[in-house]
């Protein structure tokens, strides 16, 4: 069965911007063709543990003697890898928290990035190569190339670096700017830009869903 893997990690509940957008994308992708399913993983409700040994970062043949990996940790990592490898596409809600990636999402990514397996040591194509990934990243301010604050985005670039450049996935990022405009009075002047950014993101996600 062809499936979309949908990942959420927002902790803001009903105030979340990323969760509704991930849900919108998932519904649009389901409706685009018959015989489709969505597999859903909520990293806020059911977090993946952080790596407890460097051994999980390497294929078994590359591990040093002291890098012992217990069976449960190895099985959990393999489950996460298989889930992504079997997906037709992946959509990730990746809100900016303190200019960076939510730690729960980082832990999930760390389980996927394995030198010698998902990142072949010989430079060959890995199991994730070519899988489309849509990253939905709301943020309180605006961080684009025309803005002097652009260098403050430590959310999307690291995801694109690891999933795209290192593991060969086909990453497309969709951002929503000024999500704090309704919460912080100094940003209220950007409420119009916030609404426009949200509408543009929603439209772009609908378009992307129709292409996958």
Foldseek 3Di string as FASTA:
>chain_A
DAEEEEEEEDPPPPLDLLVVLSVLLRVLLPVLDPPYYYHYDYCNVPFDDADPFCPLQEDPVPDDPVRDDDPVLVVVLVVLQVVQLRHQAYEYEFEQDQLAGPVRVVRSLSSNNHDCALQNPVRDAHSQAAHEYEYEYEYQADQDPVDPCVVSRHYPVVCCCSVPVRRHYHYDYQYQHNSCLVPDVVNVVCVVVNVVSSVVSSVVSSVVSNVD
